[in-house]
Amino acid sequence: MPNKRKPTHGNALEYRDIVNLHIEKFGVEPVITGVNYAISEQIEDLIIQAIADGRPYVEDDLLPGTVT
């Protein structure tokens, strides 16, 4: 799960606020598996975009043996 750093996307929402919006819209938290670890600074933007697109944010499963 992303840390509580200042958002880099220019959005005034904190990570927890974004997750709460996702829960309000879809009834579940975003599914974060770690597959997007390399672009973790963009996770908030990806979740916001998923909300705007009307689809839950669900990352793919990690390949067997993958360590993040």
N, C-alpha and C. Protein backbone atom coordinates (compact mmCIF):
# COMPACT_ATOMS: atom_id res chain seq x y z
N MET A 1 0.84 -1.17 0.00
CA MET A 1 0.00 0.00 0.00
C MET A 1 0.89 1.23 0.00
N PRO A 2 0.53 2.25 -0.80
CA PRO A 2 1.35 3.46 -0.84
C PRO A 2 1.44 4.12 0.53
N ASN A 3 2.57 4.81 0.75
CA ASN A 3 2.75 5.47 2.04
C ASN A 3 1.98 6.78 2.10
N LYS A 4 2.09 7.48 3.22
CA LYS A 4 1.34 8.72 3.41
C LYS A 4 2.17 9.93 3.03
N ARG A 5 2.77 9.93 1.87
CA ARG A 5 3.55 11.06 1.41
C ARG A 5 2.62 12.08 0.75
N LYS A 6 3.15 13.24 0.46
CA LYS A 6 2.38 14.25 -0.24
C LYS A 6 2.05 13.74 -1.64
N PRO A 7 0.83 13.96 -2.11
CA PRO A 7 0.48 13.53 -3.46
C PRO A 7 1.35 14.21 -4.50
N THR A 8 1.80 13.45 -5.50
CA THR A 8 2.60 14.03 -6.57
C THR A 8 1.74 14.39 -7.77
N HIS A 9 0.48 14.02 -7.74
CA HIS A 9 -0.40 14.22 -8.88
C HIS A 9 -1.13 15.55 -8.84
N GLY A 10 -0.83 16.41 -7.87
CA GLY A 10 -1.48 17.70 -7.79
C GLY A 10 -2.89 17.63 -7.22
N ASN A 11 -3.30 16.47 -6.80
CA ASN A 11 -4.63 16.30 -6.24
C ASN A 11 -4.55 16.55 -4.74
N ALA A 12 -5.51 17.27 -4.20
CA ALA A 12 -5.49 17.60 -2.78
C ALA A 12 -5.94 16.44 -1.90
N LEU A 13 -6.43 15.37 -2.49
CA LEU A 13 -6.89 14.22 -1.71
C LEU A 13 -5.72 13.40 -1.19
N GLU A 14 -5.87 12.91 0.02
CA GLU A 14 -4.91 11.97 0.59
C GLU A 14 -5.29 10.57 0.10
N TYR A 15 -4.34 9.64 0.22
CA TYR A 15 -4.58 8.27 -0.24
C TYR A 15 -5.84 7.69 0.40
N ARG A 16 -6.01 7.86 1.70
CA ARG A 16 -7.18 7.30 2.40
C ARG A 16 -8.47 7.88 1.84
N ASP A 17 -8.47 9.17 1.48
CA ASP A 17 -9.65 9.80 0.88
C ASP A 17 -9.99 9.16 -0.46
N ILE A 18 -8.97 8.87 -1.24
CA ILE A 18 -9.16 8.25 -2.55
C ILE A 18 -9.74 6.84 -2.38
N VAL A 19 -9.20 6.09 -1.43
CA VAL A 19 -9.73 4.75 -1.15
C VAL A 19 -11.18 4.85 -0.70
N ASN A 20 -11.49 5.81 0.13
CA ASN A 20 -12.88 5.98 0.59
C ASN A 20 -13.81 6.30 -0.56
N LEU A 21 -13.37 7.12 -1.51
CA LEU A 21 -14.18 7.40 -2.71
C LEU A 21 -14.42 6.12 -3.50
N HIS A 22 -13.38 5.29 -3.62
CA HIS A 22 -13.50 4.02 -4.34
C HIS A 22 -14.51 3.12 -3.63
N ILE A 23 -14.45 3.07 -2.31
CA ILE A 23 -15.39 2.25 -1.54
C ILE A 23 -16.82 2.78 -1.72
N GLU A 24 -16.98 4.10 -1.67
CA GLU A 24 -18.31 4.70 -1.85
C GLU A 24 -18.89 4.34 -3.22
N LYS A 25 -18.04 4.35 -4.26
CA LYS A 25 -18.51 4.11 -5.63
C LYS A 25 -18.75 2.62 -5.90
N PHE A 26 -17.84 1.76 -5.42
CA PHE A 26 -17.89 0.35 -5.81
C PHE A 26 -18.17 -0.61 -4.66
N GLY A 27 -18.13 -0.13 -3.43
CA GLY A 27 -18.41 -0.98 -2.29
C GLY A 27 -17.23 -1.81 -1.81
N VAL A 28 -16.08 -1.64 -2.44
CA VAL A 28 -14.87 -2.39 -2.07
C VAL A 28 -13.65 -1.48 -2.20
N GLU A 29 -12.59 -1.85 -1.47
CA GLU A 29 -11.33 -1.12 -1.62
C GLU A 29 -10.68 -1.49 -2.96
N PRO A 30 -9.80 -0.63 -3.48
CA PRO A 30 -9.04 -1.00 -4.66
C PRO A 30 -8.19 -2.23 -4.36
N VAL A 31 -8.00 -3.07 -5.36
CA VAL A 31 -7.18 -4.28 -5.18
C VAL A 31 -5.76 -3.97 -5.63
N ILE A 32 -4.85 -3.92 -4.65
CA ILE A 32 -3.45 -3.60 -4.93
C ILE A 32 -2.62 -4.83 -4.59
N THR A 33 -2.06 -5.44 -5.63
CA THR A 33 -1.28 -6.67 -5.45
C THR A 33 0.21 -6.41 -5.38
N GLY A 34 0.63 -5.24 -5.86
CA GLY A 34 2.05 -4.93 -5.93
C GLY A 34 2.61 -5.04 -7.33
N VAL A 35 1.78 -5.46 -8.28
CA VAL A 35 2.25 -5.63 -9.64
C VAL A 35 2.70 -4.29 -10.24
N ASN A 36 2.16 -3.19 -9.76
CA ASN A 36 2.53 -1.86 -10.25
C ASN A 36 3.52 -1.16 -9.33
N TYR A 37 4.30 -1.93 -8.60
CA TYR A 37 5.26 -1.37 -7.65
C TYR A 37 6.20 -0.37 -8.32
N ALA A 38 6.62 -0.66 -9.52
CA ALA A 38 7.57 0.22 -10.23
C ALA A 38 6.99 1.61 -10.49
N ILE A 39 5.67 1.71 -10.52
CA ILE A 39 5.02 3.00 -10.75
C ILE A 39 4.13 3.36 -9.55
N SER A 40 4.56 2.96 -8.37
CA SER A 40 3.74 3.17 -7.17
C SER A 40 3.40 4.63 -6.93
N GLU A 41 4.23 5.55 -7.42
CA GLU A 41 3.92 6.97 -7.24
C GLU A 41 2.68 7.38 -8.05
N GLN A 42 2.23 6.52 -8.95
CA GLN A 42 1.06 6.83 -9.79
C GLN A 42 -0.21 6.11 -9.33
N ILE A 43 -0.13 5.32 -8.28
CA ILE A 43 -1.28 4.51 -7.86
C ILE A 43 -2.50 5.39 -7.57
N GLU A 44 -2.31 6.50 -6.88
CA GLU A 44 -3.45 7.36 -6.59
C GLU A 44 -4.11 7.83 -7.87
N ASP A 45 -3.31 8.25 -8.85
CA ASP A 45 -3.86 8.68 -10.13
C ASP A 45 -4.61 7.55 -10.83
N LEU A 46 -4.05 6.34 -10.77
CA LEU A 46 -4.69 5.20 -11.42
C LEU A 46 -6.03 4.87 -10.76
N ILE A 47 -6.09 4.98 -9.44
CA ILE A 47 -7.35 4.73 -8.74
C ILE A 47 -8.37 5.81 -9.08
N ILE A 48 -7.94 7.07 -9.08
CA ILE A 48 -8.84 8.18 -9.43
C ILE A 48 -9.36 7.99 -10.86
N GLN A 49 -8.50 7.60 -11.78
CA GLN A 49 -8.92 7.37 -13.16
C GLN A 49 -9.92 6.23 -13.25
N ALA A 50 -9.69 5.17 -12.49
CA ALA A 50 -10.63 4.04 -12.48
C ALA A 50 -12.00 4.49 -11.97
N ILE A 51 -12.02 5.30 -10.92
CA ILE A 51 -13.29 5.83 -10.40
C ILE A 51 -13.98 6.65 -11.48
N ALA A 52 -13.23 7.54 -12.13
CA ALA A 52 -13.80 8.39 -13.18
C ALA A 52 -14.33 7.56 -14.35
N ASP A 53 -13.66 6.44 -14.64
CA ASP A 53 -14.07 5.57 -15.75
C ASP A 53 -15.20 4.63 -15.36
N GLY A 54 -15.55 4.60 -14.07
CA GLY A 54 -16.64 3.76 -13.62
C GLY A 54 -16.29 2.29 -13.50
N ARG A 55 -15.01 2.00 -13.27
CA ARG A 55 -14.59 0.60 -13.11
C ARG A 55 -13.71 0.49 -11.87
N PRO A 56 -13.90 -0.56 -11.09
CA PRO A 56 -13.06 -0.72 -9.90
C PRO A 56 -11.58 -0.86 -10.28
N TYR A 57 -10.71 -0.38 -9.41
CA TYR A 57 -9.26 -0.52 -9.62
C TYR A 57 -8.84 -1.89 -9.10
N VAL A 58 -8.37 -2.74 -10.00
CA VAL A 58 -7.93 -4.08 -9.66
C VAL A 58 -6.63 -4.36 -10.41
N GLU A 59 -5.55 -4.51 -9.67
CA GLU A 59 -4.27 -4.85 -10.29
C GLU A 59 -4.25 -6.34 -10.62
N ASP A 60 -3.47 -6.69 -11.63
CA ASP A 60 -3.28 -8.09 -11.98
C ASP A 60 -2.57 -8.80 -10.83
N ASP A 61 -2.73 -10.12 -10.79
CA ASP A 61 -2.00 -10.92 -9.81
C ASP A 61 -0.52 -10.92 -10.16
N LEU A 62 0.31 -11.07 -9.15
CA LEU A 62 1.74 -11.21 -9.37
C LEU A 62 2.02 -12.58 -9.96
N LEU A 63 3.06 -12.65 -10.78
CA LEU A 63 3.48 -13.95 -11.30
C LEU A 63 4.03 -14.77 -10.15
N PRO A 64 3.86 -16.09 -10.20
CA PRO A 64 4.40 -16.94 -9.13
C PRO A 64 5.90 -16.68 -8.93
N GLY A 65 6.30 -16.55 -7.68
CA GLY A 65 7.69 -16.33 -7.35
C GLY A 65 8.13 -14.89 -7.39
N THR A 66 7.24 -13.97 -7.76
CA THR A 66 7.58 -12.56 -7.80
C THR A 66 7.62 -11.99 -6.40
N VAL A 67 8.67 -11.23 -6.13
CA VAL A 67 8.80 -10.58 -4.83
C VAL A 67 8.81 -9.07 -5.06
N THR A 68 8.00 -8.35 -4.29
CA THR A 68 7.99 -6.89 -4.43
C THR A 68 8.61 -6.24 -3.22
